[in-house]
N, C-alpha and C. Protein backbone atom coordinates (compact mmCIF):
# COMPACT_ATOMS: atom_id res chain seq x y z
N MET A 1 -16.34 7.53 -18.85
CA MET A 1 -17.16 8.55 -18.50
C MET A 1 -17.22 9.79 -19.39
N ALA A 2 -15.89 10.09 -19.77
CA ALA A 2 -15.82 11.50 -20.57
C ALA A 2 -16.38 11.26 -21.79
N LEU A 3 -15.85 10.14 -22.52
CA LEU A 3 -16.33 9.60 -23.78
C LEU A 3 -18.11 9.84 -23.82
N LEU A 4 -18.74 9.25 -23.12
CA LEU A 4 -19.98 9.08 -23.30
C LEU A 4 -20.41 10.67 -23.27
N VAL A 5 -20.02 11.37 -22.27
CA VAL A 5 -20.49 12.74 -22.13
C VAL A 5 -19.94 13.37 -23.30
N ALA A 6 -18.94 13.14 -24.09
CA ALA A 6 -18.52 14.01 -25.30
C ALA A 6 -19.33 13.39 -26.57
N ILE A 7 -19.86 11.99 -26.29
CA ILE A 7 -20.68 11.74 -27.54
C ILE A 7 -22.01 12.51 -27.33
N LEU A 8 -22.49 12.55 -25.96
CA LEU A 8 -24.08 13.26 -26.11
C LEU A 8 -23.86 14.62 -26.30
N LEU A 9 -22.84 15.23 -26.01
CA LEU A 9 -22.64 16.68 -26.34
C LEU A 9 -22.70 16.92 -27.82
N SER A 10 -21.79 15.88 -28.49
CA SER A 10 -21.56 15.90 -30.10
C SER A 10 -22.82 15.74 -30.78
N LEU A 11 -23.80 15.15 -30.09
CA LEU A 11 -25.02 14.70 -30.92
C LEU A 11 -26.11 15.76 -30.39
N PHE A 12 -26.15 16.46 -29.49
CA PHE A 12 -27.43 17.08 -29.17
C PHE A 12 -26.94 18.58 -29.00
N VAL A 13 -25.61 19.13 -28.55
CA VAL A 13 -25.38 20.50 -28.31
C VAL A 13 -24.40 20.98 -29.25
N VAL A 14 -23.23 20.67 -29.67
CA VAL A 14 -22.05 20.70 -30.49
C VAL A 14 -22.58 20.84 -31.88
N PRO A 15 -22.23 22.03 -32.59
CA PRO A 15 -22.38 21.71 -34.07
C PRO A 15 -21.35 20.96 -34.61
N GLN A 16 -21.64 20.13 -35.61
CA GLN A 16 -21.16 18.59 -36.18
C GLN A 16 -19.54 18.62 -36.42
N PRO A 17 -19.22 19.73 -37.23
CA PRO A 17 -17.81 19.85 -37.25
C PRO A 17 -16.74 19.61 -36.32
N PHE A 18 -17.25 20.56 -34.84
CA PHE A 18 -16.72 20.45 -33.86
C PHE A 18 -16.85 19.45 -32.88
N GLY A 19 -18.06 18.41 -32.93
CA GLY A 19 -18.48 17.13 -32.31
C GLY A 19 -17.45 16.17 -32.44
N TYR A 20 -17.08 16.11 -34.01
CA TYR A 20 -15.89 15.07 -33.92
C TYR A 20 -14.41 15.46 -33.13
N VAL A 21 -14.10 16.61 -33.11
CA VAL A 21 -12.91 16.94 -32.56
C VAL A 21 -13.06 16.62 -30.80
N LEU A 22 -14.49 17.19 -30.26
CA LEU A 22 -14.55 16.86 -28.94
C LEU A 22 -14.71 15.43 -28.50
N VAL A 23 -15.13 14.31 -29.82
CA VAL A 23 -14.99 13.10 -29.47
C VAL A 23 -13.94 12.46 -29.18
N GLY A 24 -12.77 13.03 -30.48
CA GLY A 24 -11.67 12.60 -30.47
C GLY A 24 -10.88 12.98 -29.36
N ALA A 25 -11.03 14.16 -28.66
CA ALA A 25 -10.25 14.60 -27.61
C ALA A 25 -10.58 13.69 -26.42
N ALA A 26 -12.31 13.23 -26.27
CA ALA A 26 -12.58 12.52 -25.18
C ALA A 26 -11.82 11.09 -25.40
N VAL A 27 -11.59 10.64 -26.57
CA VAL A 27 -11.23 9.41 -26.86
C VAL A 27 -9.63 9.23 -26.18
N VAL A 28 -8.81 10.40 -26.50
CA VAL A 28 -7.51 10.30 -26.01
C VAL A 28 -7.38 10.66 -24.56
N TYR A 29 -8.36 11.38 -24.13
CA TYR A 29 -8.34 11.39 -22.50
C TYR A 29 -8.72 10.09 -21.95
N GLU A 30 -9.50 9.25 -22.35
CA GLU A 30 -9.81 8.26 -21.88
C GLU A 30 -8.57 7.03 -22.03
N VAL A 31 -7.92 7.05 -23.09
CA VAL A 31 -6.92 6.15 -23.45
C VAL A 31 -5.90 6.69 -22.25
N ALA A 32 -5.38 7.93 -22.31
CA ALA A 32 -3.97 8.33 -21.66
C ALA A 32 -4.17 8.22 -20.03
N SER A 33 -5.64 8.51 -19.28
CA SER A 33 -6.04 8.13 -18.10
C SER A 33 -6.07 6.45 -17.72
N GLY A 34 -6.52 5.94 -18.84
CA GLY A 34 -6.57 4.43 -18.45
C GLY A 34 -4.75 3.87 -18.60
N TRP A 35 -4.23 4.31 -19.53
CA TRP A 35 -2.54 4.16 -19.12
C TRP A 35 -2.08 4.42 -17.94
N TRP A 36 -2.47 5.61 -17.71
CA TRP A 36 -1.72 6.35 -16.29
C TRP A 36 -2.06 5.44 -15.12
N SER A 37 -3.61 4.94 -15.11
CA SER A 37 -3.96 4.05 -14.03
C SER A 37 -3.21 2.85 -13.96
N TRP A 38 -3.41 2.17 -15.28
CA TRP A 38 -2.76 0.88 -15.37
C TRP A 38 -1.24 0.93 -14.89
N ARG A 39 -0.40 1.90 -15.15
CA ARG A 39 1.14 1.99 -15.04
C ARG A 39 1.18 2.25 -13.16
N TRP A 40 0.20 3.12 -12.69
CA TRP A 40 0.08 3.33 -11.38
C TRP A 40 -0.14 2.26 -10.45
N SER A 41 -0.96 1.49 -10.92
CA SER A 41 -1.27 0.32 -10.11
C SER A 41 -0.15 -0.65 -10.16
N ARG A 42 0.61 -0.86 -11.06
CA ARG A 42 1.40 -1.74 -11.28
C ARG A 42 2.90 -1.29 -10.90
N ALA A 43 3.08 -0.28 -10.25
CA ALA A 43 4.29 0.55 -9.43
C ALA A 43 4.83 -0.33 -8.62
N ARG A 44 4.10 -0.66 -7.58
CA ARG A 44 4.44 -1.52 -6.37
C ARG A 44 3.79 -2.91 -6.02
N ARG A 45 4.68 -3.45 -5.60
CA ARG A 45 4.00 -4.95 -5.47
C ARG A 45 3.04 -4.81 -4.18
N GLY A 46 1.98 -5.10 -4.12
CA GLY A 46 1.47 -5.45 -2.86
C GLY A 46 2.12 -6.18 -1.83
N VAL A 47 1.97 -5.68 -0.37
CA VAL A 47 2.69 -6.34 0.49
C VAL A 47 1.68 -6.72 1.63
N VAL A 48 1.44 -8.10 1.77
CA VAL A 48 0.50 -8.45 2.75
C VAL A 48 0.86 -9.62 3.56
N GLY A 49 0.32 -9.97 4.39
CA GLY A 49 0.78 -11.00 5.42
C GLY A 49 1.63 -10.73 6.78
N ALA A 50 2.04 -11.83 7.36
CA ALA A 50 3.19 -11.61 8.42
C ALA A 50 4.40 -11.51 7.83
N GLU A 51 4.56 -11.86 6.55
CA GLU A 51 6.20 -11.85 6.06
C GLU A 51 6.22 -10.25 5.82
N ALA A 52 5.37 -9.68 5.58
CA ALA A 52 5.52 -8.09 5.33
C ALA A 52 6.34 -7.39 6.37
N LEU A 53 5.79 -8.17 7.82
CA LEU A 53 6.77 -7.47 9.20
C LEU A 53 8.08 -7.12 8.91
N VAL A 54 8.64 -8.22 8.47
CA VAL A 54 10.15 -8.40 8.35
C VAL A 54 10.76 -6.97 7.84
N GLY A 55 11.42 -6.47 8.69
CA GLY A 55 12.20 -4.96 8.74
C GLY A 55 11.32 -3.98 9.36
N ALA A 56 10.49 -4.09 9.69
CA ALA A 56 9.37 -3.14 10.21
C ALA A 56 9.76 -2.74 11.76
N THR A 57 9.80 -1.73 12.40
CA THR A 57 9.83 -1.45 13.53
C THR A 57 9.01 -1.56 14.64
N ALA A 58 9.44 -1.82 15.87
CA ALA A 58 8.46 -2.18 16.90
C ALA A 58 8.81 -1.63 17.97
N ARG A 59 7.68 -1.45 19.12
CA ARG A 59 7.99 -0.99 20.31
C ARG A 59 7.35 -2.05 21.20
N VAL A 60 8.57 -2.35 22.27
CA VAL A 60 8.36 -3.56 23.37
C VAL A 60 7.50 -3.07 24.17
N ALA A 61 6.26 -3.67 24.11
CA ALA A 61 5.20 -3.67 25.22
C ALA A 61 5.71 -4.27 26.57
N ASP A 62 6.06 -5.56 26.58
CA ASP A 62 6.54 -6.32 27.83
C ASP A 62 7.78 -6.67 27.56
N ALA A 63 8.56 -6.53 28.58
CA ALA A 63 10.02 -6.77 28.29
C ALA A 63 10.36 -8.29 27.62
N CYS A 64 10.92 -8.10 26.52
CA CYS A 64 11.57 -9.63 26.04
C CYS A 64 12.75 -10.15 26.53
N ARG A 65 12.79 -10.82 27.38
CA ARG A 65 13.81 -11.69 28.20
C ARG A 65 13.99 -13.15 28.24
N PRO A 66 14.32 -13.74 26.98
CA PRO A 66 14.22 -13.66 25.69
C PRO A 66 12.71 -13.41 25.02
N ASP A 67 11.69 -14.08 25.56
CA ASP A 67 10.22 -13.88 25.13
C ASP A 67 9.64 -12.96 25.55
N GLY A 68 8.74 -12.08 24.97
CA GLY A 68 7.92 -10.78 25.42
C GLY A 68 6.93 -10.41 24.45
N TRP A 69 6.27 -9.56 24.16
CA TRP A 69 5.36 -9.01 23.63
C TRP A 69 5.76 -7.42 23.18
N VAL A 70 5.62 -7.51 21.77
CA VAL A 70 5.73 -6.24 20.69
C VAL A 70 4.54 -5.55 20.15
N LYS A 71 4.70 -4.59 20.28
CA LYS A 71 3.47 -3.81 19.14
C LYS A 71 4.22 -3.22 17.93
N VAL A 72 3.82 -3.98 16.65
CA VAL A 72 3.90 -3.54 15.59
C VAL A 72 2.77 -3.18 14.56
N ARG A 73 2.86 -1.91 14.19
CA ARG A 73 1.62 -1.30 13.39
C ARG A 73 -0.17 -1.30 13.98
N GLY A 74 0.46 -1.51 15.42
CA GLY A 74 -0.88 -1.29 16.05
C GLY A 74 -1.41 -2.53 16.52
N GLU A 75 -0.70 -3.62 16.29
CA GLU A 75 -0.91 -5.13 16.75
C GLU A 75 0.20 -5.77 17.67
N LEU A 76 -0.63 -6.21 18.77
CA LEU A 76 0.40 -6.93 19.42
C LEU A 76 0.79 -8.28 19.09
N TRP A 77 2.44 -8.53 19.47
CA TRP A 77 2.89 -9.71 18.69
C TRP A 77 3.60 -10.35 19.64
N ARG A 78 3.57 -11.69 19.58
CA ARG A 78 4.62 -12.36 20.89
C ARG A 78 5.82 -12.07 20.02
N ALA A 79 6.87 -12.23 20.86
CA ALA A 79 8.46 -11.81 20.14
C ALA A 79 9.30 -12.18 21.31
N ARG A 80 10.40 -12.61 20.71
CA ARG A 80 11.89 -13.12 21.25
C ARG A 80 12.93 -12.28 20.56
N CYS A 81 13.53 -11.68 21.59
CA CYS A 81 14.84 -11.35 21.36
C CYS A 81 15.97 -11.51 22.31
N VAL A 82 16.92 -11.99 21.57
CA VAL A 82 18.10 -12.94 22.26
C VAL A 82 18.61 -12.13 23.06
N VAL A 83 19.11 -11.08 22.66
CA VAL A 83 19.90 -9.67 23.51
C VAL A 83 18.88 -9.44 24.58
N GLY A 84 17.50 -9.03 24.31
CA GLY A 84 16.61 -8.78 25.47
C GLY A 84 16.49 -7.36 25.04
N ALA A 85 15.19 -7.05 25.61
CA ALA A 85 14.97 -5.66 25.26
C ALA A 85 13.95 -5.15 26.56
N ASP A 86 14.07 -4.36 27.12
CA ASP A 86 13.13 -3.59 28.02
C ASP A 86 12.01 -2.95 27.30
N ALA A 87 10.72 -2.79 28.12
CA ALA A 87 9.58 -2.41 27.70
C ALA A 87 9.80 -0.68 27.52
N GLY A 88 9.08 -0.23 26.30
CA GLY A 88 9.54 1.01 25.67
C GLY A 88 10.44 1.04 24.64
N GLU A 89 11.54 0.12 24.52
CA GLU A 89 12.56 0.08 23.42
C GLU A 89 11.95 -0.19 22.37
N THR A 90 12.89 0.36 21.26
CA THR A 90 12.27 0.36 20.10
C THR A 90 13.29 -1.14 19.44
N VAL A 91 12.68 -1.90 18.64
CA VAL A 91 13.44 -3.19 18.02
C VAL A 91 12.82 -3.18 16.41
N ARG A 92 13.60 -3.99 15.75
CA ARG A 92 13.36 -4.27 14.44
C ARG A 92 12.98 -5.91 14.52
N VAL A 93 12.15 -5.88 13.55
CA VAL A 93 11.90 -7.52 12.94
C VAL A 93 12.70 -7.77 12.19
N ARG A 94 13.25 -9.15 12.51
CA ARG A 94 14.13 -9.52 11.63
C ARG A 94 13.78 -11.16 10.87
N GLU A 95 12.63 -11.69 11.57
CA GLU A 95 12.07 -12.78 11.08
C GLU A 95 10.60 -12.94 11.57
N VAL A 96 9.82 -13.96 10.73
CA VAL A 96 8.73 -14.57 11.49
C VAL A 96 8.84 -15.79 11.60
N SER A 97 8.33 -16.23 12.75
CA SER A 97 8.52 -17.90 12.85
C SER A 97 7.11 -18.19 13.55
N GLY A 98 6.34 -18.51 12.48
CA GLY A 98 4.74 -19.12 12.88
C GLY A 98 3.84 -17.45 13.28
N LEU A 99 3.81 -17.48 14.73
CA LEU A 99 3.20 -16.32 15.21
C LEU A 99 4.03 -15.56 15.83
N LEU A 100 5.34 -16.00 16.32
CA LEU A 100 6.25 -15.47 16.94
C LEU A 100 7.45 -14.62 16.07
N LEU A 101 7.68 -13.27 16.37
CA LEU A 101 8.36 -12.27 15.75
C LEU A 101 9.91 -12.42 16.45
N VAL A 102 10.86 -12.65 15.50
CA VAL A 102 12.29 -12.73 16.09
C VAL A 102 12.67 -11.23 15.96
N VAL A 103 12.99 -10.42 16.86
CA VAL A 103 13.44 -8.98 17.12
C VAL A 103 15.02 -8.67 17.23
N GLU A 104 15.76 -7.97 17.04
CA GLU A 104 16.79 -7.21 17.52
C GLU A 104 16.54 -5.97 17.84
N ARG A 105 17.29 -5.44 19.06
CA ARG A 105 17.67 -3.90 19.38
C ARG A 105 17.82 -3.13 18.55
N LEU A 106 17.44 -1.93 18.27
CA LEU A 106 17.91 -0.97 17.40
C LEU A 106 19.48 -0.29 18.11
């Protein structure tokens, strides 16, 4: 966008020797912003799916003795806690087995 604006300004508004400088600066700006955007988009891997829940903390909605329900990131999931956890406790997701989360007390 900046390059298009610079070309139009250099053709119709700015005197000719300075128009080349303006277009050159716009080219440098476009290349630098494109490079920065590319680097920023590659900085982190996308984390999606149920496997992304491993390691997340959850709040127990219904007592897990050993099976119950937990709330993770605003969603209710069926959970299994071998040690057991009461409603309101905080647990950590250890693994995902189908639609069942295996959790441990913190």
